[in-house]
Structure formats: C-alpha cells, structure tokens
Amino acid sequence: PTLDRGGRIELVQHFEKSACWNIDFIIMMGLATALAALGLMQDSIPVVIGAMLVAPLMSPLIGAGFALVQGNISLFRDSMKAMSFGVSGGLLISLILGFLTPEYEPTLEIMARGNVNLLDLGVAVLSGMAAAYSMGRPDLFATVAGVAIAAALVPPLAVVGIAIAAGVYWLAGAAT
C-alpha cells in the first residue's frame, strides 16, 4: 500500500521532529544507557529490555534512512547529528559507570553482546525494515516498541564503554 500526499508530509514532519537533538533526547539517551549498563553488569535481562524501550536512537536512525531515500539532506544531517551525539553521550555514560564499578566481572549478558555474527546483522536489517514500515502506518505504530527491542542499539553501546573501562578491548571491539 502507498501513502497519499498528506500521509507522506505527516511522516516527514514526524521524522523531522523525532530526529532532533534536544533536551528530551539527551535525558532519555542518558537514562537508557545508564539502565542498560547497570542491567548488563547485574545480568538482569528485564532491566536491559527496559533500557531498550527507553532508548531514543531508533527514531534518528530511521529518519536517516528515510532521508536517504527521499534525498532530504537537512533531515539526514539532523538525524546523523542526533545519532552521533546520542552514541557519544551513551559511550561517555557507560565509560563513567564502568570506571565507577571496576570490580565487576563480565556477566553472560555482557559477553553475549561481544559474540556477534551474521544472524545479528539479519535481525538488525529486518528490524529496521519493520520499524520503517510500521512508522509509515498509523495502525501499526504500536509495534515500534517490539522493533526497538529487536534492534537493541543501546546495550551493545553500553558494553563498549564498560569493556573499555575494564580494559577488555577485544570485547569492546566485538560489541562495536
């Protein structure tokens, strides 16, 4: 099915609004990363899932893909800026938490984020496709939470910071 002109305009406006680097994005990214880092260090799957739901990185990521398809340079630039600042802020927060807890032992959840393969790439690509499709369909918008869990960008980011703080560089590289 295709979107009519009004639907396309509404979708672009939604992406322009959600791909912005603003105080809400900063706070939610900080909270999501802190939750993910602490959940990973505690080996708590429910906390990690909660962090995935709170994380705002999905919107600018999808906005960047949408901007590429539409040739919208302004939206692409804004989306990339939000993602860059979000990833940088998340890395900083996870590094700080990693340095504040130097005695932790890598948990199974942390180690799992360092063991990636092509199946993980397939999950990411399919999750992105599902998110893009559901965002363009108002009746399917509720499915975005499930897509956010599947794509899960913040927990591996938190592992990178935690692993760097602990000096486990191979794990940081693998999680990246």
N, C-alpha and C. Protein backbone atom coordinates (compact mmCIF):
# COMPACT_ATOMS: atom_id res chain seq x y z
N PRO A 1 0.82 -1.19 0.00
CA PRO A 1 0.00 0.00 0.00
C PRO A 1 0.87 1.26 0.00
N THR A 2 0.35 2.31 -0.60
CA THR A 2 1.11 3.55 -0.68
C THR A 2 0.47 4.63 0.19
N LEU A 3 1.26 5.60 0.55
CA LEU A 3 0.77 6.73 1.34
C LEU A 3 0.31 7.83 0.38
N ASP A 4 -0.75 8.52 0.77
CA ASP A 4 -1.16 9.68 -0.03
C ASP A 4 -0.25 10.86 0.32
N ARG A 5 -0.41 11.96 -0.38
CA ARG A 5 0.46 13.13 -0.19
C ARG A 5 0.43 13.61 1.26
N GLY A 6 -0.75 13.70 1.85
CA GLY A 6 -0.87 14.14 3.24
C GLY A 6 -0.15 13.21 4.20
N GLY A 7 -0.25 11.92 3.95
CA GLY A 7 0.44 10.94 4.78
C GLY A 7 1.95 11.06 4.68
N ARG A 8 2.45 11.32 3.49
CA ARG A 8 3.90 11.49 3.30
C ARG A 8 4.39 12.75 4.02
N ILE A 9 3.62 13.84 3.91
CA ILE A 9 4.01 15.08 4.59
C ILE A 9 4.03 14.88 6.09
N GLU A 10 3.02 14.20 6.61
CA GLU A 10 2.93 13.92 8.04
C GLU A 10 4.11 13.05 8.50
N LEU A 11 4.49 12.09 7.68
CA LEU A 11 5.60 11.21 8.02
C LEU A 11 6.92 12.00 8.06
N VAL A 12 7.13 12.87 7.09
CA VAL A 12 8.35 13.69 7.07
C VAL A 12 8.39 14.58 8.31
N GLN A 13 7.27 15.18 8.66
CA GLN A 13 7.21 16.04 9.84
C GLN A 13 7.50 15.24 11.11
N HIS A 14 6.98 14.02 11.16
CA HIS A 14 7.26 13.16 12.31
C HIS A 14 8.75 12.88 12.43
N PHE A 15 9.40 12.53 11.32
CA PHE A 15 10.83 12.25 11.34
C PHE A 15 11.64 13.49 11.68
N GLU A 16 11.25 14.64 11.16
CA GLU A 16 11.96 15.88 11.46
C GLU A 16 11.89 16.19 12.96
N LYS A 17 10.75 15.93 13.56
CA LYS A 17 10.57 16.19 14.99
C LYS A 17 11.33 15.16 15.84
N SER A 18 11.26 13.89 15.46
CA SER A 18 11.85 12.83 16.29
C SER A 18 13.35 12.66 16.07
N ALA A 19 13.89 13.24 15.02
CA ALA A 19 15.32 13.10 14.73
C ALA A 19 16.14 14.27 15.27
N CYS A 20 15.53 15.08 16.13
CA CYS A 20 16.21 16.26 16.66
C CYS A 20 17.00 15.93 17.91
N TRP A 21 18.11 16.62 18.05
CA TRP A 21 18.92 16.56 19.24
C TRP A 21 18.40 17.64 20.17
N ASN A 22 17.67 17.25 21.20
CA ASN A 22 17.09 18.21 22.14
C ASN A 22 17.21 17.65 23.56
N ILE A 23 16.72 18.40 24.52
CA ILE A 23 16.86 18.00 25.92
C ILE A 23 16.17 16.66 26.21
N ASP A 24 15.02 16.41 25.58
CA ASP A 24 14.34 15.13 25.79
C ASP A 24 15.19 13.97 25.30
N PHE A 25 15.80 14.15 24.13
CA PHE A 25 16.66 13.12 23.56
C PHE A 25 17.85 12.87 24.48
N ILE A 26 18.47 13.93 24.96
CA ILE A 26 19.65 13.81 25.83
C ILE A 26 19.30 13.05 27.11
N ILE A 27 18.22 13.45 27.75
CA ILE A 27 17.82 12.81 29.01
C ILE A 27 17.47 11.34 28.79
N MET A 28 16.68 11.05 27.76
CA MET A 28 16.28 9.66 27.51
C MET A 28 17.47 8.79 27.12
N MET A 29 18.40 9.35 26.35
CA MET A 29 19.59 8.59 25.97
C MET A 29 20.45 8.31 27.19
N GLY A 30 20.60 9.30 28.06
CA GLY A 30 21.38 9.11 29.27
C GLY A 30 20.76 8.06 30.19
N LEU A 31 19.45 8.16 30.38
CA LEU A 31 18.76 7.19 31.22
C LEU A 31 18.82 5.78 30.62
N ALA A 32 18.60 5.68 29.32
CA ALA A 32 18.63 4.37 28.66
C ALA A 32 20.00 3.73 28.79
N THR A 33 21.05 4.51 28.58
CA THR A 33 22.40 3.95 28.66
C THR A 33 22.74 3.54 30.09
N ALA A 34 22.37 4.38 31.05
CA ALA A 34 22.64 4.03 32.46
C ALA A 34 21.88 2.76 32.84
N LEU A 35 20.62 2.67 32.44
CA LEU A 35 19.84 1.46 32.72
C LEU A 35 20.48 0.24 32.06
N ALA A 36 20.86 0.38 30.80
CA ALA A 36 21.47 -0.75 30.09
C ALA A 36 22.77 -1.18 30.76
N ALA A 37 23.61 -0.22 31.10
CA ALA A 37 24.90 -0.56 31.71
C ALA A 37 24.71 -1.26 33.05
N LEU A 38 23.84 -0.72 33.88
CA LEU A 38 23.61 -1.35 35.18
C LEU A 38 22.93 -2.71 35.03
N GLY A 39 21.98 -2.82 34.12
CA GLY A 39 21.33 -4.10 33.88
C GLY A 39 22.29 -5.15 33.37
N LEU A 40 23.21 -4.74 32.49
CA LEU A 40 24.21 -5.67 31.97
C LEU A 40 25.16 -6.12 33.07
N MET A 41 25.58 -5.18 33.91
CA MET A 41 26.51 -5.55 34.99
C MET A 41 25.84 -6.43 36.04
N GLN A 42 24.52 -6.29 36.20
CA GLN A 42 23.78 -7.13 37.15
C GLN A 42 23.29 -8.42 36.51
N ASP A 43 23.48 -8.56 35.20
CA ASP A 43 22.98 -9.70 34.44
C ASP A 43 21.46 -9.78 34.53
N SER A 44 20.81 -8.62 34.48
CA SER A 44 19.36 -8.53 34.62
C SER A 44 18.71 -8.27 33.26
N ILE A 45 18.15 -9.31 32.67
CA ILE A 45 17.51 -9.19 31.36
C ILE A 45 16.33 -8.21 31.38
N PRO A 46 15.47 -8.20 32.42
CA PRO A 46 14.37 -7.23 32.43
C PRO A 46 14.84 -5.78 32.41
N VAL A 47 15.91 -5.47 33.12
CA VAL A 47 16.43 -4.10 33.12
C VAL A 47 16.98 -3.74 31.75
N VAL A 48 17.67 -4.67 31.10
CA VAL A 48 18.22 -4.43 29.77
C VAL A 48 17.07 -4.20 28.77
N ILE A 49 16.02 -4.98 28.87
CA ILE A 49 14.86 -4.79 27.99
C ILE A 49 14.22 -3.43 28.25
N GLY A 50 14.12 -3.04 29.50
CA GLY A 50 13.60 -1.71 29.82
C GLY A 50 14.43 -0.61 29.19
N ALA A 51 15.75 -0.77 29.22
CA ALA A 51 16.63 0.23 28.60
C ALA A 51 16.39 0.30 27.10
N MET A 52 16.13 -0.84 26.48
CA MET A 52 15.87 -0.86 25.04
C MET A 52 14.60 -0.07 24.71
N LEU A 53 13.61 -0.17 25.57
CA LEU A 53 12.36 0.55 25.33
C LEU A 53 12.50 2.05 25.54
N VAL A 54 13.38 2.46 26.44
CA VAL A 54 13.58 3.87 26.76
C VAL A 54 14.45 4.56 25.71
N ALA A 55 15.35 3.82 25.10
CA ALA A 55 16.34 4.40 24.19
C ALA A 55 15.71 5.10 22.99
N PRO A 56 16.15 6.33 22.70
CA PRO A 56 15.58 7.09 21.58
C PRO A 56 16.36 6.97 20.27
N LEU A 57 17.35 6.11 20.18
CA LEU A 57 18.19 6.06 18.97
C LEU A 57 17.48 5.56 17.72
N MET A 58 16.40 4.81 17.88
CA MET A 58 15.71 4.26 16.72
C MET A 58 15.16 5.36 15.80
N SER A 59 14.61 6.42 16.39
CA SER A 59 13.99 7.46 15.57
C SER A 59 14.97 8.17 14.64
N PRO A 60 16.13 8.64 15.12
CA PRO A 60 17.04 9.27 14.17
C PRO A 60 17.65 8.28 13.19
N LEU A 61 17.80 7.03 13.59
CA LEU A 61 18.32 6.03 12.67
C LEU A 61 17.36 5.82 11.51
N ILE A 62 16.09 5.67 11.82
CA ILE A 62 15.09 5.50 10.77
C ILE A 62 14.95 6.79 9.97
N GLY A 63 15.04 7.93 10.66
CA GLY A 63 14.99 9.22 9.97
C GLY A 63 16.10 9.37 8.95
N ALA A 64 17.30 8.90 9.29
CA ALA A 64 18.43 8.97 8.35
C ALA A 64 18.16 8.10 7.12
N GLY A 65 17.65 6.90 7.35
CA GLY A 65 17.33 6.03 6.21
C GLY A 65 16.23 6.63 5.34
N PHE A 66 15.22 7.18 5.97
CA PHE A 66 14.13 7.82 5.23
C PHE A 66 14.66 9.02 4.44
N ALA A 67 15.54 9.80 5.07
CA ALA A 67 16.12 10.97 4.40
C ALA A 67 16.94 10.57 3.18
N LEU A 68 17.66 9.46 3.29
CA LEU A 68 18.43 8.98 2.14
C LEU A 68 17.53 8.61 0.97
N VAL A 69 16.44 7.93 1.29
CA VAL A 69 15.50 7.52 0.24
C VAL A 69 14.84 8.73 -0.41
N GLN A 70 14.52 9.74 0.40
CA GLN A 70 13.82 10.93 -0.10
C GLN A 70 14.78 11.99 -0.64
N GLY A 71 16.06 11.86 -0.39
CA GLY A 71 17.02 12.88 -0.81
C GLY A 71 16.90 14.15 0.03
N ASN A 72 16.48 14.01 1.28
CA ASN A 72 16.28 15.14 2.18
C ASN A 72 17.56 15.35 2.99
N ILE A 73 18.43 16.23 2.50
CA ILE A 73 19.75 16.42 3.11
C ILE A 73 19.64 17.02 4.51
N SER A 74 18.72 17.93 4.72
CA SER A 74 18.54 18.56 6.02
C SER A 74 18.14 17.52 7.08
N LEU A 75 17.18 16.67 6.76
CA LEU A 75 16.76 15.62 7.69
C LEU A 75 17.89 14.63 7.93
N PHE A 76 18.63 14.29 6.89
CA PHE A 76 19.75 13.37 7.05
C PHE A 76 20.80 13.96 8.00
N ARG A 77 21.13 15.23 7.81
CA ARG A 77 22.11 15.90 8.66
C ARG A 77 21.64 15.93 10.12
N ASP A 78 20.37 16.29 10.33
CA ASP A 78 19.83 16.33 11.69
C ASP A 78 19.82 14.95 12.34
N SER A 79 19.45 13.95 11.56
CA SER A 79 19.41 12.57 12.08
C SER A 79 20.81 12.08 12.45
N MET A 80 21.76 12.34 11.58
CA MET A 80 23.14 11.92 11.86
C MET A 80 23.71 12.66 13.07
N LYS A 81 23.37 13.92 13.21
CA LYS A 81 23.82 14.69 14.37
C LYS A 81 23.25 14.09 15.66
N ALA A 82 21.95 13.79 15.65
CA ALA A 82 21.33 13.20 16.84
C ALA A 82 21.95 11.84 17.15
N MET A 83 22.16 11.02 16.13
CA MET A 83 22.78 9.71 16.37
C MET A 83 24.20 9.85 16.90
N SER A 84 24.97 10.76 16.31
CA SER A 84 26.36 10.95 16.75
C SER A 84 26.43 11.41 18.19
N PHE A 85 25.63 12.41 18.52
CA PHE A 85 25.63 12.90 19.90
C PHE A 85 25.07 11.84 20.85
N GLY A 86 24.07 11.11 20.42
CA GLY A 86 23.50 10.05 21.25
C GLY A 86 24.49 8.95 21.54
N VAL A 87 25.20 8.51 20.51
CA VAL A 87 26.20 7.45 20.68
C VAL A 87 27.36 7.96 21.54
N SER A 88 27.81 9.19 21.29
CA SER A 88 28.90 9.75 22.08
C SER A 88 28.51 9.89 23.55
N GLY A 89 27.31 10.42 23.79
CA GLY A 89 26.83 10.56 25.16
C GLY A 89 26.67 9.22 25.84
N GLY A 90 26.11 8.24 25.11
CA GLY A 90 25.94 6.91 25.67
C GLY A 90 27.27 6.25 26.00
N LEU A 91 28.24 6.43 25.13
CA LEU A 91 29.57 5.87 25.38
C LEU A 91 30.20 6.52 26.62
N LEU A 92 30.05 7.83 26.74
CA LEU A 92 30.60 8.53 27.90
C LEU A 92 29.96 8.04 29.20
N ILE A 93 28.64 7.90 29.20
CA ILE A 93 27.94 7.44 30.40
C ILE A 93 28.35 6.02 30.76
N SER A 94 28.44 5.14 29.78
CA SER A 94 28.83 3.76 30.08
C SER A 94 30.29 3.68 30.53
N LEU A 95 31.15 4.55 30.00
CA LEU A 95 32.54 4.60 30.48
C LEU A 95 32.59 5.02 31.94
N ILE A 96 31.84 6.06 32.27
CA ILE A 96 31.82 6.55 33.66
C ILE A 96 31.32 5.45 34.59
N LEU A 97 30.23 4.80 34.23
CA LEU A 97 29.71 3.71 35.07
C LEU A 97 30.70 2.55 35.15
N GLY A 98 31.40 2.28 34.07
CA GLY A 98 32.41 1.23 34.08
C GLY A 98 33.56 1.56 35.01
N PHE A 99 33.99 2.83 35.00
CA PHE A 99 35.08 3.25 35.90
C PHE A 99 34.62 3.28 37.36
N LEU A 100 33.34 3.56 37.59
CA LEU A 100 32.82 3.61 38.95
C LEU A 100 32.63 2.21 39.56
N THR A 101 32.61 1.18 38.73
CA THR A 101 32.45 -0.19 39.21
C THR A 101 33.57 -1.08 38.66
N PRO A 102 34.81 -0.83 39.08
CA PRO A 102 35.94 -1.56 38.49
C PRO A 102 36.02 -3.02 38.88
N GLU A 103 35.33 -3.44 39.94
CA GLU A 103 35.45 -4.81 40.41
C GLU A 103 34.45 -5.78 39.78
N TYR A 104 33.63 -5.30 38.86
CA TYR A 104 32.61 -6.18 38.28
C TYR A 104 33.26 -7.28 37.44
N GLU A 105 32.59 -8.40 37.36
CA GLU A 105 33.01 -9.50 36.48
C GLU A 105 32.09 -9.48 35.27
N PRO A 106 32.62 -9.66 34.07
CA PRO A 106 31.74 -9.67 32.88
C PRO A 106 30.66 -10.75 33.02
N THR A 107 29.42 -10.32 32.87
CA THR A 107 28.28 -11.23 33.00
C THR A 107 27.97 -11.89 31.66
N LEU A 108 27.07 -12.86 31.69
CA LEU A 108 26.67 -13.53 30.45
C LEU A 108 26.05 -12.54 29.47
N GLU A 109 25.27 -11.59 29.99
CA GLU A 109 24.65 -10.59 29.11
C GLU A 109 25.71 -9.72 28.43
N ILE A 110 26.74 -9.36 29.15
CA ILE A 110 27.82 -8.56 28.56
C ILE A 110 28.57 -9.38 27.53
N MET A 111 28.89 -10.60 27.87
CA MET A 111 29.63 -11.45 26.93
C MET A 111 28.82 -11.75 25.67
N ALA A 112 27.49 -11.85 25.81
CA ALA A 112 26.64 -12.13 24.65
C ALA A 112 26.71 -11.00 23.63
N ARG A 113 26.88 -9.77 24.10
CA ARG A 113 26.97 -8.63 23.18
C ARG A 113 28.32 -8.59 22.46
N GLY A 114 29.27 -9.39 22.88
CA GLY A 114 30.56 -9.46 22.22
C GLY A 114 30.69 -10.65 21.29
N ASN A 115 29.62 -11.41 21.15
CA ASN A 115 29.64 -12.60 20.31
C ASN A 115 28.63 -12.42 19.18
N VAL A 116 28.99 -11.59 18.21
CA VAL A 116 28.06 -11.27 17.12
C VAL A 116 28.39 -12.09 15.88
N ASN A 117 27.36 -12.26 15.04
CA ASN A 117 27.56 -13.00 13.79
C ASN A 117 26.59 -12.46 12.73
N LEU A 118 26.52 -13.12 11.60
CA LEU A 118 25.66 -12.65 10.51
C LEU A 118 24.18 -12.72 10.86
N LEU A 119 23.80 -13.60 11.76
CA LEU A 119 22.40 -13.64 12.18
C LEU A 119 21.99 -12.34 12.87
N ASP A 120 22.92 -11.76 13.63
CA ASP A 120 22.65 -10.47 14.28
C ASP A 120 22.44 -9.38 13.24
N LEU A 121 23.22 -9.41 12.17
CA LEU A 121 23.03 -8.45 11.08
C LEU A 121 21.66 -8.63 10.44
N GLY A 122 21.25 -9.86 10.24
CA GLY A 122 19.92 -10.13 9.69
C GLY A 122 18.82 -9.60 10.59
N VAL A 123 18.96 -9.76 11.90
CA VAL A 123 17.98 -9.22 12.84
C VAL A 123 17.93 -7.70 12.73
N ALA A 124 19.09 -7.07 12.64
CA ALA A 124 19.13 -5.61 12.55
C ALA A 124 18.47 -5.10 11.27
N VAL A 125 18.77 -5.73 10.15
CA VAL A 125 18.18 -5.30 8.87
C VAL A 125 16.67 -5.50 8.88
N LEU A 126 16.22 -6.67 9.30
CA LEU A 126 14.77 -6.92 9.34
C LEU A 126 14.06 -6.02 10.34
N SER A 127 14.70 -5.74 11.48
CA SER A 127 14.11 -4.83 12.46
C SER A 127 13.97 -3.43 11.88
N GLY A 128 14.98 -2.98 11.19
CA GLY A 128 14.91 -1.67 10.55
C GLY A 128 13.80 -1.59 9.52
N MET A 129 13.66 -2.63 8.74
CA MET A 129 12.58 -2.66 7.75
C MET A 129 11.21 -2.63 8.44
N ALA A 130 11.06 -3.42 9.50
CA ALA A 130 9.79 -3.44 10.22
C ALA A 130 9.49 -2.09 10.86
N ALA A 131 10.52 -1.46 11.42
CA ALA A 131 10.32 -0.14 12.04
C ALA A 131 9.92 0.89 11.01
N ALA A 132 10.60 0.91 9.88
CA ALA A 132 10.27 1.89 8.84
C ALA A 132 8.85 1.68 8.33
N TYR A 133 8.47 0.44 8.13
CA TYR A 133 7.12 0.16 7.64
C TYR A 133 6.07 0.55 8.67
N SER A 134 6.31 0.18 9.94
CA SER A 134 5.31 0.46 10.97
C SER A 134 5.19 1.96 11.26
N MET A 135 6.27 2.71 11.10
CA MET A 135 6.20 4.15 11.34
C MET A 135 5.40 4.86 10.24
N GLY A 136 5.37 4.28 9.07
CA GLY A 136 4.59 4.86 7.97
C GLY A 136 3.13 4.45 8.00
N ARG A 137 2.76 3.62 8.94
CA ARG A 137 1.39 3.13 9.04
C ARG A 137 0.85 3.43 10.44
N PRO A 138 -0.03 4.41 10.58
CA PRO A 138 -0.55 4.76 11.92
C PRO A 138 -1.16 3.58 12.67
N ASP A 139 -1.76 2.64 11.98
CA ASP A 139 -2.38 1.49 12.64
C ASP A 139 -1.34 0.52 13.22
N LEU A 140 -0.12 0.61 12.73
CA LEU A 140 0.93 -0.31 13.17
C LEU A 140 1.94 0.35 14.10
N PHE A 141 1.74 1.60 14.45
CA PHE A 141 2.74 2.34 15.22
C PHE A 141 3.04 1.67 16.56
N ALA A 142 2.09 0.96 17.14
CA ALA A 142 2.31 0.30 18.43
C ALA A 142 3.37 -0.80 18.34
N THR A 143 3.67 -1.29 17.15
CA THR A 143 4.66 -2.35 17.00
C THR A 143 6.09 -1.83 17.10
N VAL A 144 6.27 -0.52 17.11
CA VAL A 144 7.62 0.04 17.14
C VAL A 144 8.37 -0.38 18.40
N ALA A 145 7.67 -0.55 19.53
CA ALA A 145 8.34 -0.99 20.77
C ALA A 145 9.00 -2.36 20.57
N GLY A 146 8.31 -3.26 19.92
CA GLY A 146 8.88 -4.58 19.65
C GLY A 146 10.09 -4.50 18.74
N VAL A 147 10.01 -3.61 17.77
CA VAL A 147 11.14 -3.41 16.86
C VAL A 147 12.33 -2.83 17.61
N ALA A 148 12.07 -1.91 18.54
CA ALA A 148 13.15 -1.32 19.31
C ALA A 148 13.90 -2.38 20.11
N ILE A 149 13.16 -3.33 20.66
CA ILE A 149 13.80 -4.41 21.40
C ILE A 149 14.64 -5.28 20.46
N ALA A 150 14.10 -5.57 19.29
CA ALA A 150 14.83 -6.42 18.35
C ALA A 150 16.10 -5.74 17.85
N ALA A 151 16.03 -4.46 17.57
CA ALA A 151 17.20 -3.75 17.04
C ALA A 151 18.23 -3.45 18.14
N ALA A 152 17.76 -3.17 19.34
CA ALA A 152 18.58 -3.02 20.55
C ALA A 152 19.95 -2.40 20.33
N LEU A 153 19.99 -1.10 20.20
CA LEU A 153 21.25 -0.41 19.93
C LEU A 153 22.01 -0.02 21.19
N VAL A 154 21.30 0.27 22.27
CA VAL A 154 21.96 0.81 23.46
C VAL A 154 22.74 -0.24 24.27
N PRO A 155 22.23 -1.46 24.48
CA PRO A 155 23.03 -2.41 25.26
C PRO A 155 24.43 -2.69 24.68
N PRO A 156 24.58 -2.89 23.37
CA PRO A 156 25.96 -3.07 22.87
C PRO A 156 26.82 -1.82 23.07
N LEU A 157 26.19 -0.65 22.95
CA LEU A 157 26.92 0.60 23.19
C LEU A 157 27.40 0.66 24.63
N ALA A 158 26.55 0.26 25.56
CA ALA A 158 26.94 0.24 26.97
C ALA A 158 28.07 -0.76 27.21
N VAL A 159 28.04 -1.89 26.52
CA VAL A 159 29.12 -2.88 26.67
C VAL A 159 30.44 -2.29 26.20
N VAL A 160 30.42 -1.50 25.14
CA VAL A 160 31.66 -0.88 24.65
C VAL A 160 32.29 -0.04 25.75
N GLY A 161 31.51 0.83 26.38
CA GLY A 161 32.05 1.67 27.44
C GLY A 161 32.51 0.88 28.65
N ILE A 162 31.71 -0.08 29.06
CA ILE A 162 32.06 -0.91 30.23
C ILE A 162 33.35 -1.69 29.95
N ALA A 163 33.45 -2.25 28.77
CA ALA A 163 34.63 -3.07 28.42
C ALA A 163 35.88 -2.21 28.30
N ILE A 164 35.75 -1.01 27.74
CA ILE A 164 36.92 -0.12 27.66
C ILE A 164 37.38 0.25 29.07
N ALA A 165 36.42 0.58 29.94
CA ALA A 165 36.77 0.93 31.32
C ALA A 165 37.46 -0.22 32.02
N ALA A 166 37.08 -1.45 31.71
CA ALA A 166 37.67 -2.63 32.35
C ALA A 166 38.96 -3.08 31.65
N GLY A 167 39.27 -2.47 30.51
CA GLY A 167 40.47 -2.86 29.77
C GLY A 167 40.29 -4.13 28.95
N VAL A 168 39.05 -4.53 28.70
CA VAL A 168 38.77 -5.72 27.89
C VAL A 168 38.47 -5.24 26.47
N TYR A 169 39.54 -4.88 25.76
CA TYR A 169 39.39 -4.20 24.47
C TYR A 169 38.83 -5.09 23.38
N TRP A 170 39.09 -6.38 23.43
CA TRP A 170 38.54 -7.27 22.41
C TRP A 170 37.02 -7.29 22.50
N LEU A 171 36.49 -7.24 23.72
CA LEU A 171 35.04 -7.24 23.93
C LEU A 171 34.44 -5.93 23.45
N ALA A 172 35.12 -4.82 23.71
CA ALA A 172 34.65 -3.51 23.23
C ALA A 172 34.61 -3.51 21.71
N GLY A 173 35.62 -4.05 21.08
CA GLY A 173 35.65 -4.11 19.62
C GLY A 173 34.56 -5.01 19.06
N ALA A 174 34.35 -6.14 19.71
CA ALA A 174 33.31 -7.07 19.24
C ALA A 174 31.93 -6.48 19.41
N ALA A 175 31.68 -5.79 20.51
CA ALA A 175 30.37 -5.18 20.75
C ALA A 175 30.13 -4.02 19.78
N THR A 176 31.20 -3.36 19.38
CA THR A 176 31.06 -2.26 18.42
C THR A 176 30.55 -2.78 17.10
